[in-house]
N, C-alpha and C. Protein backbone atom coordinates (compact mmCIF):
# COMPACT_ATOMS: atom_id res chain seq x y z
N UNK A 1 0.62 -0.89 -0.07
CA UNK A 1 0.20 0.06 -0.14
C UNK A 1 0.99 1.46 0.05
N UNK A 2 0.36 2.72 -0.34
CA UNK A 2 1.30 3.55 -0.35
C UNK A 2 0.08 4.47 -0.10
N UNK A 3 0.84 5.57 -0.03
CA UNK A 3 0.65 6.89 0.69
C UNK A 3 -0.47 8.06 -0.33
N UNK A 4 -0.83 7.21 -0.99
CA UNK A 4 -2.10 7.50 -2.45
C UNK A 4 -3.05 7.06 -1.60
N UNK A 5 -3.61 6.00 -1.01
CA UNK A 5 -4.64 5.47 -0.75
C UNK A 5 -5.44 5.80 -0.33
N UNK A 6 -6.72 6.16 -0.17
CA UNK A 6 -8.07 6.55 0.03
C UNK A 6 -8.95 6.11 0.94
N UNK A 7 -9.20 6.41 1.94
CA UNK A 7 -9.94 6.18 3.38
C UNK A 7 -11.78 5.65 1.92
N UNK A 8 -12.03 4.52 1.74
CA UNK A 8 -13.38 4.44 0.96
C UNK A 8 -14.58 4.56 1.66
N UNK A 9 -14.97 5.62 2.31
CA UNK A 9 -16.03 5.40 3.48
C UNK A 9 -16.97 7.33 2.97
N UNK A 10 -17.84 6.45 3.09
CA UNK A 10 -18.90 7.82 2.92
C UNK A 10 -19.29 8.73 4.23
N UNK A 11 -18.72 9.47 4.60
CA UNK A 11 -18.89 10.75 5.58
C UNK A 11 -20.03 10.89 6.04
N UNK A 12 -21.25 11.19 5.29
CA UNK A 12 -22.22 11.15 5.42
C UNK A 12 -23.02 9.82 6.42
N UNK A 13 -22.73 8.63 6.37
CA UNK A 13 -23.45 7.30 6.53
C UNK A 13 -22.08 6.29 7.31
N UNK A 14 -21.60 7.00 7.18
CA UNK A 14 -20.21 5.77 7.76
C UNK A 14 -20.08 4.54 7.18
N UNK A 15 -20.45 4.11 5.98
CA UNK A 15 -20.58 3.27 5.12
C UNK A 15 -19.41 3.21 3.48
N UNK A 16 -18.78 2.99 3.14
CA UNK A 16 -18.58 2.41 2.14
C UNK A 16 -18.80 2.37 0.91
N UNK A 17 -18.75 3.57 0.17
CA UNK A 17 -19.77 3.70 -1.14
C UNK A 17 -20.00 2.41 -1.31
N UNK A 18 -20.94 2.23 -2.65
CA UNK A 18 -20.96 0.67 -3.84
C UNK A 18 -20.11 1.56 -5.00
N UNK A 19 -19.92 0.35 -5.68
CA UNK A 19 -19.13 0.75 -6.76
C UNK A 19 -19.92 1.46 -7.67
N UNK A 20 -21.60 1.76 -7.93
CA UNK A 20 -22.36 2.32 -8.30
C UNK A 20 -22.27 3.60 -8.05
N UNK A 21 -22.06 4.21 -6.71
CA UNK A 21 -21.80 5.38 -6.08
C UNK A 21 -20.38 5.95 -6.63
N UNK A 22 -19.56 4.62 -6.29
CA UNK A 22 -17.99 5.56 -7.00
C UNK A 22 -18.01 6.03 -8.76
N UNK A 23 -18.46 4.95 -9.39
CA UNK A 23 -18.44 5.78 -10.71
C UNK A 23 -19.61 6.57 -11.44
N UNK A 24 -20.67 6.73 -10.43
CA UNK A 24 -21.70 8.21 -10.44
C UNK A 24 -22.33 7.57 -11.81
N UNK A 25 -22.32 8.66 -12.22
CA UNK A 25 -23.51 8.57 -13.46
C UNK A 25 -23.01 7.73 -14.97
N UNK A 26 -21.66 7.47 -14.84
CA UNK A 26 -20.95 6.83 -15.64
C UNK A 26 -21.33 4.78 -15.57
N UNK A 27 -21.84 4.44 -14.32
CA UNK A 27 -21.61 2.98 -13.94
C UNK A 27 -22.89 2.67 -15.20
N UNK A 28 -24.05 3.15 -15.40
CA UNK A 28 -25.28 2.95 -16.20
C UNK A 28 -24.64 3.17 -17.90
N UNK A 29 -23.92 3.63 -18.39
CA UNK A 29 -22.99 4.01 -19.57
C UNK A 29 -22.26 2.82 -19.75
N UNK A 30 -21.35 2.53 -18.50
CA UNK A 30 -20.55 1.42 -18.48
C UNK A 30 -21.27 -0.03 -18.64
N UNK A 31 -21.83 0.20 -18.00
CA UNK A 31 -22.93 -1.21 -18.36
C UNK A 31 -23.30 -1.50 -19.58
N UNK A 32 -24.24 -0.50 -20.53
CA UNK A 32 -24.44 -0.46 -21.69
C UNK A 32 -23.54 -0.98 -22.62
N UNK A 33 -22.29 -0.22 -22.10
CA UNK A 33 -20.83 -1.10 -23.19
C UNK A 33 -20.79 -1.88 -23.17
N UNK A 34 -21.38 -2.51 -21.70
CA UNK A 34 -20.29 -4.37 -22.14
C UNK A 34 -21.68 -5.24 -22.49
N UNK A 35 -23.05 -4.74 -22.43
CA UNK A 35 -23.81 -5.32 -22.75
C UNK A 35 -24.31 -4.93 -24.42
N UNK A 36 -23.43 -4.40 -25.19
CA UNK A 36 -23.37 -4.17 -26.24
C UNK A 36 -22.35 -4.85 -26.52
N UNK A 37 -21.21 -5.19 -26.36
CA UNK A 37 -20.25 -6.15 -26.54
C UNK A 37 -20.71 -7.31 -26.50
N UNK A 38 -21.60 -7.19 -25.80
CA UNK A 38 -21.68 -9.00 -25.28
C UNK A 38 -23.68 -9.27 -25.17
N UNK A 39 -23.78 -9.29 -26.61
CA UNK A 39 -25.57 -9.84 -26.62
C UNK A 39 -25.51 -10.91 -26.04
N UNK A 40 -26.56 -11.02 -25.56
CA UNK A 40 -27.32 -11.90 -24.26
C UNK A 40 -27.26 -12.08 -22.92
N UNK A 41 -26.34 -11.35 -22.99
CA UNK A 41 -25.69 -10.86 -21.32
C UNK A 41 -26.66 -10.25 -20.78
N UNK A 42 -27.35 -11.06 -19.21
CA UNK A 42 -28.14 -10.36 -19.05
C UNK A 42 -27.64 -8.62 -18.28
N UNK A 43 -29.04 -8.49 -18.03
CA UNK A 43 -28.85 -7.00 -17.27
C UNK A 43 -28.36 -7.37 -16.04
N UNK A 44 -28.86 -7.92 -15.13
CA UNK A 44 -28.46 -8.16 -14.20
C UNK A 44 -26.27 -8.96 -13.75
N UNK A 45 -26.07 -10.08 -14.94
CA UNK A 45 -24.48 -10.04 -15.11
C UNK A 45 -23.89 -8.99 -15.00
N UNK A 46 -24.94 -7.74 -16.20
CA UNK A 46 -23.49 -6.87 -16.49
C UNK A 46 -22.93 -5.59 -15.64
N UNK A 47 -24.73 -5.91 -14.30
CA UNK A 47 -24.55 -4.87 -13.29
C UNK A 47 -23.49 -5.44 -12.33
N UNK A 48 -23.49 -6.85 -12.25
CA UNK A 48 -22.17 -7.71 -11.39
C UNK A 48 -20.81 -7.64 -12.00
N UNK A 49 -20.69 -7.29 -12.85
CA UNK A 49 -19.49 -7.49 -13.70
C UNK A 49 -18.83 -6.45 -13.55
N UNK A 50 -19.58 -5.19 -13.74
CA UNK A 50 -19.31 -3.71 -13.64
C UNK A 50 -18.92 -2.90 -12.95
N UNK A 51 -19.56 -3.91 -11.31
CA UNK A 51 -19.12 -3.32 -10.09
C UNK A 51 -17.90 -4.18 -9.90
N UNK A 52 -17.84 -5.50 -10.24
CA UNK A 52 -16.68 -5.88 -10.15
C UNK A 52 -15.30 -5.38 -10.91
N UNK A 53 -15.13 -5.47 -12.34
CA UNK A 53 -14.46 -3.63 -12.78
C UNK A 53 -14.06 -2.51 -11.29
N UNK A 54 -15.31 -2.07 -11.61
CA UNK A 54 -14.83 -1.23 -10.17
C UNK A 54 -14.15 -1.06 -9.30
N UNK A 55 -14.37 -2.75 -8.76
CA UNK A 55 -13.57 -2.77 -7.40
C UNK A 55 -12.21 -2.96 -7.69
N UNK A 56 -12.31 -3.57 -8.77
CA UNK A 56 -10.37 -4.19 -9.25
C UNK A 56 -9.78 -3.24 -9.73
N UNK A 57 -10.96 -2.29 -10.12
CA UNK A 57 -9.49 -0.88 -10.55
C UNK A 57 -9.15 0.24 -9.31
N UNK A 58 -10.14 -0.12 -8.32
CA UNK A 58 -10.27 0.82 -7.13
C UNK A 58 -8.66 0.36 -6.50
N UNK A 59 -8.38 -1.35 -6.76
CA UNK A 59 -8.25 -2.33 -5.93
C UNK A 59 -6.54 -1.75 -6.42
N UNK A 60 -6.43 -1.87 -8.05
CA UNK A 60 -5.14 -1.73 -8.37
C UNK A 60 -4.52 -0.58 -8.85
N UNK A 61 -5.30 0.75 -8.36
CA UNK A 61 -5.41 2.02 -8.38
C UNK A 61 -4.03 1.96 -6.89
N UNK A 62 -4.51 1.49 -5.64
CA UNK A 62 -4.50 1.73 -4.29
C UNK A 62 -3.22 0.74 -4.44
N UNK A 63 -3.04 0.16 -5.48
CA UNK A 63 -1.40 -1.12 -4.82
C UNK A 63 -0.77 -1.05 -6.65
N UNK A 64 -0.19 0.45 -6.76
CA UNK A 64 0.80 0.41 -8.01
C UNK A 64 2.13 -0.37 -8.04
N UNK A 65 2.13 -1.32 -8.96
CA UNK A 65 3.76 -1.97 -8.78
C UNK A 65 2.99 -3.49 -8.30
N UNK A 66 1.98 -3.84 -7.98
CA UNK A 66 1.25 -5.16 -7.71
C UNK A 66 1.25 -6.19 -8.70
N UNK A 67 1.41 -6.95 -8.78
CA UNK A 67 1.12 -7.36 -10.55
C UNK A 67 -0.31 -8.15 -10.09
N UNK A 68 -1.65 -7.06 -10.95
CA UNK A 68 -2.52 -7.62 -10.40
C UNK A 68 -3.53 -8.25 -11.96
N UNK A 69 -4.04 -8.95 -11.67
CA UNK A 69 -5.35 -8.98 -12.93
C UNK A 69 -6.17 -9.57 -12.65
N UNK A 70 -7.54 -9.66 -13.38
CA UNK A 70 -8.89 -9.84 -13.16
C UNK A 70 -8.99 -11.42 -13.72
N UNK A 71 -10.38 -12.03 -13.05
CA UNK A 71 -10.79 -12.84 -13.88
C UNK A 71 -11.20 -12.66 -15.42
N UNK A 72 -11.31 -13.76 -15.90
CA UNK A 72 -12.02 -12.82 -17.89
C UNK A 72 -12.96 -12.50 -17.63
N UNK A 73 -14.09 -12.77 -16.10
CA UNK A 73 -15.03 -12.14 -16.12
C UNK A 73 -15.12 -10.55 -16.04
N UNK A 74 -14.51 -9.97 -15.20
CA UNK A 74 -14.24 -9.40 -14.95
C UNK A 74 -13.38 -8.36 -15.80
N UNK A 75 -12.92 -9.00 -16.25
CA UNK A 75 -12.03 -8.31 -17.34
C UNK A 75 -12.62 -7.95 -18.82
N UNK A 76 -13.35 -8.44 -18.84
CA UNK A 76 -14.72 -7.68 -19.81
C UNK A 76 -15.66 -6.48 -19.16
N UNK A 77 -15.55 -6.75 -17.68
CA UNK A 77 -15.99 -4.82 -17.57
C UNK A 77 -15.10 -3.79 -17.69
N UNK A 78 -13.12 -4.50 -16.74
CA UNK A 78 -12.70 -3.68 -17.27
C UNK A 78 -12.56 -3.03 -18.25
N UNK A 79 -12.89 -3.99 -19.81
CA UNK A 79 -12.21 -3.16 -20.96
C UNK A 79 -13.98 -2.61 -21.03
N UNK A 80 -15.07 -2.10 -20.50
CA UNK A 80 -16.04 -1.55 -20.80
C UNK A 80 -15.60 -0.30 -20.22
N UNK A 81 -15.60 -0.81 -18.97
CA UNK A 81 -14.59 0.88 -18.38
C UNK A 81 -14.01 1.93 -18.51
N UNK A 82 -12.43 1.05 -19.44
CA UNK A 82 -11.98 1.57 -19.84
C UNK A 82 -12.07 2.71 -21.29
N UNK A 83 -13.23 1.95 -22.25
CA UNK A 83 -13.70 3.35 -23.16
C UNK A 83 -14.45 4.36 -22.56
N UNK A 84 -14.83 4.76 -21.42
CA UNK A 84 -14.87 6.19 -20.63
C UNK A 84 -13.58 6.79 -19.68
N UNK A 85 -13.09 6.60 -20.97
CA UNK A 85 -12.09 7.14 -20.26
C UNK A 85 -11.90 8.98 -19.58
N UNK A 86 -12.76 9.33 -19.68
CA UNK A 86 -13.15 10.42 -18.15
C UNK A 86 -13.30 9.86 -16.87
N UNK A 87 -14.81 8.90 -16.59
CA UNK A 87 -14.85 8.55 -15.38
C UNK A 87 -13.49 7.87 -15.33
N UNK A 88 -13.42 6.86 -15.99
CA UNK A 88 -11.91 5.85 -15.33
C UNK A 88 -11.07 7.20 -15.27
N UNK A 89 -10.56 7.28 -15.52
CA UNK A 89 -8.83 8.26 -14.98
C UNK A 89 -9.73 9.07 -13.93
N UNK A 90 -10.57 9.04 -13.44
CA UNK A 90 -11.09 9.80 -12.12
C UNK A 90 -11.01 9.02 -11.32
N UNK A 91 -11.94 7.95 -11.65
CA UNK A 91 -11.95 7.18 -10.76
C UNK A 91 -10.16 6.33 -10.25
N UNK A 92 -9.37 6.42 -11.05
CA UNK A 92 -8.04 6.11 -10.76
C UNK A 92 -7.27 7.29 -10.31
N UNK A 93 -7.68 8.16 -10.41
CA UNK A 93 -6.95 9.25 -9.43
C UNK A 93 -7.39 9.08 -8.05
N UNK A 94 -8.87 9.39 -7.91
CA UNK A 94 -9.34 10.31 -6.56
C UNK A 94 -8.97 8.34 -6.12
N UNK A 95 -8.22 7.02 -6.12
CA UNK A 95 -8.40 6.29 -5.01
C UNK A 95 -6.28 5.85 -5.27
N UNK A 96 -5.92 6.30 -6.26
CA UNK A 96 -4.36 5.59 -6.03
C UNK A 96 -4.04 6.94 -7.52
N UNK A 97 -3.00 5.78 -8.16
CA UNK A 97 -2.91 6.24 -9.54
C UNK A 97 -3.38 5.49 -10.92
N UNK A 98 -2.69 5.84 -11.51
CA UNK A 98 -3.30 5.54 -12.82
C UNK A 98 -3.79 4.09 -13.05
N UNK A 99 -4.37 3.42 -14.06
CA UNK A 99 -3.89 1.65 -13.80
C UNK A 99 -4.49 1.47 -15.28
N UNK A 100 -2.44 1.17 -16.02
CA UNK A 100 -2.61 1.22 -17.32
C UNK A 100 -3.13 -0.46 -17.59
N UNK A 101 -3.95 -0.58 -18.42
CA UNK A 101 -4.14 -2.54 -18.99
C UNK A 101 -2.93 -2.81 -20.12
N UNK A 102 -2.32 -3.62 -19.60
CA UNK A 102 -0.89 -3.87 -20.79
C UNK A 102 -1.94 -5.58 -21.00
N UNK A 103 -2.14 -5.54 -22.37
CA UNK A 103 -3.25 -6.87 -22.45
C UNK A 103 -1.92 -8.18 -23.12
N UNK A 104 -2.51 -9.13 -22.84
CA UNK A 104 -1.04 -10.38 -23.25
C UNK A 104 -0.01 -10.35 -22.32
N UNK A 105 0.12 -9.34 -21.12
CA UNK A 105 1.07 -9.56 -20.96
C UNK A 105 1.06 -10.31 -19.04
N UNK A 106 2.43 -10.38 -18.47
CA UNK A 106 1.61 -11.30 -17.07
C UNK A 106 1.74 -10.36 -16.23
N UNK A 107 0.86 -10.48 -15.39
CA UNK A 107 -0.09 -12.14 -15.13
C UNK A 107 -1.49 -11.72 -16.07
N UNK A 108 -1.51 -12.97 -16.77
CA UNK A 108 -2.68 -12.62 -17.57
C UNK A 108 -4.31 -12.78 -17.10
N UNK A 109 -5.03 -12.74 -17.34
CA UNK A 109 -6.41 -12.95 -16.85
C UNK A 109 -6.62 -14.12 -16.82
N UNK A 110 -7.13 -14.57 -15.23
CA UNK A 110 -7.32 -15.92 -15.15
C UNK A 110 -5.89 -17.44 -14.28
N UNK A 111 -4.67 -15.89 -14.31
CA UNK A 111 -4.28 -16.81 -13.86
C UNK A 111 -4.49 -17.06 -12.25
N UNK A 112 -4.18 -17.89 -12.08
CA UNK A 112 -4.48 -18.67 -10.00
C UNK A 112 -3.95 -17.85 -9.00
N UNK A 113 -2.50 -17.33 -9.27
CA UNK A 113 -1.56 -16.52 -8.28
C UNK A 113 -2.11 -15.15 -8.61
N UNK A 114 -2.38 -14.95 -9.96
CA UNK A 114 -3.16 -13.03 -10.03
C UNK A 114 -4.38 -12.86 -8.89
N UNK A 115 -5.18 -13.93 -9.50
CA UNK A 115 -6.55 -13.66 -9.38
C UNK A 115 -6.62 -13.49 -7.58
N UNK A 116 -5.93 -14.58 -7.30
CA UNK A 116 -5.40 -14.74 -5.43
C UNK A 116 -5.00 -13.35 -5.09
N UNK A 117 -4.48 -12.67 -5.82
CA UNK A 117 -3.60 -11.31 -5.36
C UNK A 117 -4.66 -10.29 -5.60
N UNK A 118 -5.92 -10.38 -6.75
CA UNK A 118 -6.54 -9.34 -7.40
C UNK A 118 -7.32 -9.50 -5.96
N UNK A 119 -8.34 -10.54 -5.65
CA UNK A 119 -9.47 -10.64 -4.42
C UNK A 119 -8.73 -10.25 -3.61
N UNK A 120 -7.19 -10.39 -2.65
CA UNK A 120 -7.05 -9.82 -1.66
C UNK A 120 -7.03 -8.72 -1.54
N UNK A 121 -6.75 -7.47 -3.00
CA UNK A 121 -6.36 -6.36 -3.22
C UNK A 121 -7.63 -6.03 -3.48
N UNK A 122 -8.92 -6.26 -3.55
CA UNK A 122 -9.88 -5.59 -4.03
C UNK A 122 -10.80 -5.92 -2.42
N UNK A 123 -10.63 -6.70 -1.78
CA UNK A 123 -10.58 -6.92 -0.12
C UNK A 123 -10.21 -6.18 0.63
N UNK A 124 -8.77 -6.24 0.51
CA UNK A 124 -7.95 -5.02 1.19
C UNK A 124 -8.49 -3.11 1.01
N UNK A 125 -9.30 -3.54 0.23
CA UNK A 125 -9.99 -1.87 -0.07
C UNK A 125 -11.67 -1.84 0.21
N UNK A 126 -11.65 -2.84 1.07
CA UNK A 126 -12.83 -2.79 1.43
C UNK A 126 -14.00 -3.27 0.49
N UNK A 127 -13.77 -4.56 -0.37
CA UNK A 127 -14.81 -4.47 -1.34
C UNK A 127 -15.23 -5.86 -0.89
N UNK A 128 -16.59 -6.24 -1.18
CA UNK A 128 -16.76 -7.80 -1.09
C UNK A 128 -16.09 -8.51 -2.48
N UNK A 129 -15.46 -9.38 -3.19
CA UNK A 129 -15.65 -10.19 -3.95
C UNK A 129 -16.42 -11.00 -4.08
N UNK A 130 -17.09 -10.54 -5.33
CA UNK A 130 -18.40 -11.44 -5.79
C UNK A 130 -18.14 -12.94 -6.14
N UNK A 131 -17.71 -13.74 -5.21
CA UNK A 131 -17.29 -15.66 -5.86
C UNK A 131 -17.36 -15.99 -7.31
N UNK A 132 -18.57 -15.63 -7.72
CA UNK A 132 -18.62 -16.39 -9.06
C UNK A 132 -17.87 -15.99 -10.03
N UNK A 133 -17.56 -14.28 -9.63
CA UNK A 133 -17.09 -13.48 -10.99
C UNK A 133 -15.19 -13.39 -10.82
N UNK A 134 -15.39 -13.82 -9.72
CA UNK A 134 -13.53 -14.51 -9.63
C UNK A 134 -13.04 -15.64 -9.76
N UNK A 135 -13.43 -16.46 -10.53
CA UNK A 135 -12.61 -17.74 -10.58
C UNK A 135 -11.87 -17.75 -12.53
N UNK A 136 -11.26 -18.13 -13.12
CA UNK A 136 -10.52 -18.37 -14.23
C UNK A 136 -11.42 -18.90 -14.91
């Protein structure tokens, strides 16, 4: 962890903000980008994947230099989030450092060691990882 870490608490209510709250008005747009890229995906699954991608980006921003990669499912949400560059850059900057996407580099999505590190980082950032979306 670095001194860039930011406490993820909503000071008005003493609770962690949800991924939807963290991304704000951009959340539905990112979800819709994911749905457009994956015809047949249910709205509920797209919501969960988008939320997990937000958690992953916050955890990655707070852990620069730690090799993290999401599951293949969460990676699809990360790709959708990356297309919303202003919201993505603001999210990264608010919680740490900019998180670059390096496709084809180690660790690759689905790598078991990387998945364990990523889940620990997500949980360390104060989130609960949705079990079914963090498998190779």
